Amino acid sequence: MQLDQFPEGLTRGTQLSVSIVTQRKENAVTIPLAALRSYAGRNYVQIVDDQGNKREVDVEIGQQTATDVEIVKGLTPGQKVVGR
């Protein structure tokens, strides 16, 4: 584990906030959670192709935060996803 250097002038009793990263993935494909659709155990998104046509694509999800979800399978970087 590595800690950043403490700021100058820090004294006892100074309130701090700490961020702890427990897991990190490089180059993960993520989308806004609001764009993910689920129905009867199926996870899917709507994408827009180069001609502007919408279609549904089944996806496999990974890690999730309050705002984003990792797409493990089904999308490639750069695809346009339609939100709700």
C-alpha atoms as a PDB file:
ATOM      1  CA  MET A   1       0.000   0.000   0.000  1.00  0.00           C
ATOM      2  CA  GLN A   2       1.199   3.507  -0.767  1.00  0.00           C
ATOM      3  CA  LEU A   3       0.109   6.794   0.775  1.00  0.00           C
ATOM      4  CA  ASP A   4       0.440  10.194  -0.843  1.00  0.00           C
ATOM      5  CA  GLN A   5       2.513  12.844   0.896  1.00  0.00           C
ATOM      6  CA  PHE A   6       0.558  14.712   3.589  1.00  0.00           C
ATOM      7  CA  PRO A   7      -0.091  18.399   2.822  1.00  0.00           C
ATOM      8  CA  GLU A   8       2.142  20.954   4.530  1.00  0.00           C
ATOM      9  CA  GLY A   9       0.679  22.542   7.635  1.00  0.00           C
ATOM     10  CA  LEU A  10      -1.448  19.543   8.532  1.00  0.00           C
ATOM     11  CA  THR A  11      -1.963  19.322  12.284  1.00  0.00           C
ATOM     12  CA  ARG A  12      -3.668  16.921  14.687  1.00  0.00           C
ATOM     13  CA  GLY A  13      -7.419  17.229  14.637  1.00  0.00           C
ATOM     14  CA  THR A  14      -7.582  18.335  11.003  1.00  0.00           C
ATOM     15  CA  GLN A  15     -10.449  16.554   9.275  1.00  0.00           C
ATOM     16  CA  LEU A  16      -9.503  14.573   6.188  1.00  0.00           C
ATOM     17  CA  SER A  17     -11.359  12.586   3.594  1.00  0.00           C
ATOM     18  CA  VAL A  18      -9.942   9.324   2.314  1.00  0.00           C
ATOM     19  CA  SER A  19     -10.625   7.351  -0.857  1.00  0.00           C
ATOM     20  CA  ILE A  20      -9.767   3.668  -0.807  1.00  0.00           C
ATOM     21  CA  VAL A  21      -9.576   1.878  -4.146  1.00  0.00           C
ATOM     22  CA  THR A  22     -10.245  -1.809  -3.581  1.00  0.00           C
ATOM     23  CA  GLN A  23     -10.327  -2.880  -7.199  1.00  0.00           C
ATOM     24  CA  ARG A  24      -9.304  -1.245 -10.452  1.00  0.00           C
ATOM     25  CA  LYS A  25      -9.771  -2.296 -14.055  1.00  0.00           C
ATOM     26  CA  GLU A  26      -7.933  -0.644 -16.902  1.00  0.00           C
ATOM     27  CA  ASN A  27      -9.719  -0.013 -20.228  1.00  0.00           C
ATOM     28  CA  ALA A  28     -13.082  -1.304 -19.005  1.00  0.00           C
ATOM     29  CA  VAL A  29     -16.145  -0.630 -21.155  1.00  0.00           C
ATOM     30  CA  THR A  30     -18.690   1.235 -19.021  1.00  0.00           C
ATOM     31  CA  ILE A  31     -22.053   2.820 -19.663  1.00  0.00           C
ATOM     32  CA  PRO A  32     -24.359   4.951 -17.517  1.00  0.00           C
ATOM     33  CA  LEU A  33     -26.481   2.705 -15.316  1.00  0.00           C
ATOM     34  CA  ALA A  34     -29.598   4.436 -16.705  1.00  0.00           C
ATOM     35  CA  ALA A  35     -28.816   3.032 -20.185  1.00  0.00           C
ATOM     36  CA  LEU A  36     -28.929  -0.595 -18.980  1.00  0.00           C
ATOM     37  CA  ARG A  37     -32.255  -2.329 -19.460  1.00  0.00           C
ATOM     38  CA  SER A  38     -33.310  -5.558 -17.752  1.00  0.00           C
ATOM     39  CA  TYR A  39     -36.313  -7.750 -18.368  1.00  0.00           C
ATOM     40  CA  ALA A  40     -36.961 -11.306 -17.135  1.00  0.00           C
ATOM     41  CA  GLY A  41     -33.275 -11.893 -16.328  1.00  0.00           C
ATOM     42  CA  ARG A  42     -32.091 -10.441 -19.638  1.00  0.00           C
ATOM     43  CA  ASN A  43     -29.664  -7.496 -19.605  1.00  0.00           C
ATOM     44  CA  TYR A  44     -29.579  -5.444 -22.792  1.00  0.00           C
ATOM     45  CA  VAL A  45     -28.981  -1.969 -24.194  1.00  0.00           C
ATOM     46  CA  GLN A  46     -30.211  -0.101 -27.231  1.00  0.00           C
ATOM     47  CA  ILE A  47     -27.497   1.019 -29.602  1.00  0.00           C
ATOM     48  CA  VAL A  48     -27.560   3.339 -32.610  1.00  0.00           C
ATOM     49  CA  ASP A  49     -25.704   2.255 -35.738  1.00  0.00           C
ATOM     50  CA  ASP A  50     -24.015   4.548 -38.286  1.00  0.00           C
ATOM     51  CA  GLN A  51     -27.287   4.942 -40.215  1.00  0.00           C
ATOM     52  CA  GLY A  52     -29.173   6.054 -37.078  1.00  0.00           C
ATOM     53  CA  ASN A  53     -31.088   2.795 -36.637  1.00  0.00           C
ATOM     54  CA  LYS A  54     -31.733   1.539 -33.093  1.00  0.00           C
ATOM     55  CA  ARG A  55     -31.431  -2.101 -32.121  1.00  0.00           C
ATOM     56  CA  GLU A  56     -31.206  -4.120 -28.927  1.00  0.00           C
ATOM     57  CA  VAL A  57     -27.981  -5.871 -27.926  1.00  0.00           C
ATOM     58  CA  ASP A  58     -27.693  -8.401 -25.098  1.00  0.00           C
ATOM     59  CA  VAL A  59     -24.857  -7.589 -22.689  1.00  0.00           C
ATOM     60  CA  GLU A  60     -23.069  -9.282 -19.826  1.00  0.00           C
ATOM     61  CA  ILE A  61     -22.454  -6.931 -16.912  1.00  0.00           C
ATOM     62  CA  GLY A  62     -19.581  -6.806 -14.451  1.00  0.00           C
ATOM     63  CA  GLN A  63     -18.875  -4.340 -11.673  1.00  0.00           C
ATOM     64  CA  GLN A  64     -21.365  -1.620 -10.916  1.00  0.00           C
ATOM     65  CA  THR A  65     -21.292   1.724  -9.112  1.00  0.00           C
ATOM     66  CA  ALA A  66     -24.165   4.028  -8.236  1.00  0.00           C
ATOM     67  CA  THR A  67     -23.902   5.684 -11.669  1.00  0.00           C
ATOM     68  CA  ASP A  68     -22.060   3.340 -14.067  1.00  0.00           C
ATOM     69  CA  VAL A  69     -21.972  -0.345 -14.999  1.00  0.00           C
ATOM     70  CA  GLU A  70     -19.169  -2.336 -16.594  1.00  0.00           C
ATOM     71  CA  ILE A  71     -20.035  -4.203 -19.793  1.00  0.00           C
ATOM     72  CA  VAL A  72     -17.996  -7.404 -19.958  1.00  0.00           C
ATOM     73  CA  LYS A  73     -19.492  -8.743 -23.183  1.00  0.00           C
ATOM     74  CA  GLY A  74     -21.757  -7.419 -25.930  1.00  0.00           C
ATOM     75  CA  LEU A  75     -20.405  -3.909 -26.623  1.00  0.00           C
ATOM     76  CA  THR A  76     -17.232  -2.500 -28.091  1.00  0.00           C
ATOM     77  CA  PRO A  77     -15.704   0.885 -27.276  1.00  0.00           C
ATOM     78  CA  GLY A  78     -17.215   3.682 -29.341  1.00  0.00           C
ATOM     79  CA  GLN A  79     -20.671   2.204 -29.850  1.00  0.00           C
ATOM     80  CA  LYS A  80     -23.468   4.697 -29.187  1.00  0.00           C
ATOM     81  CA  VAL A  81     -25.846   3.594 -26.426  1.00  0.00           C
ATOM     82  CA  VAL A  82     -29.325   5.062 -26.041  1.00  0.00           C
ATOM     83  CA  GLY A  83     -30.412   6.082 -22.543  1.00  0.00           C
ATOM     84  CA  ARG A  84     -33.926   5.905 -21.202  1.00  0.00           C
END
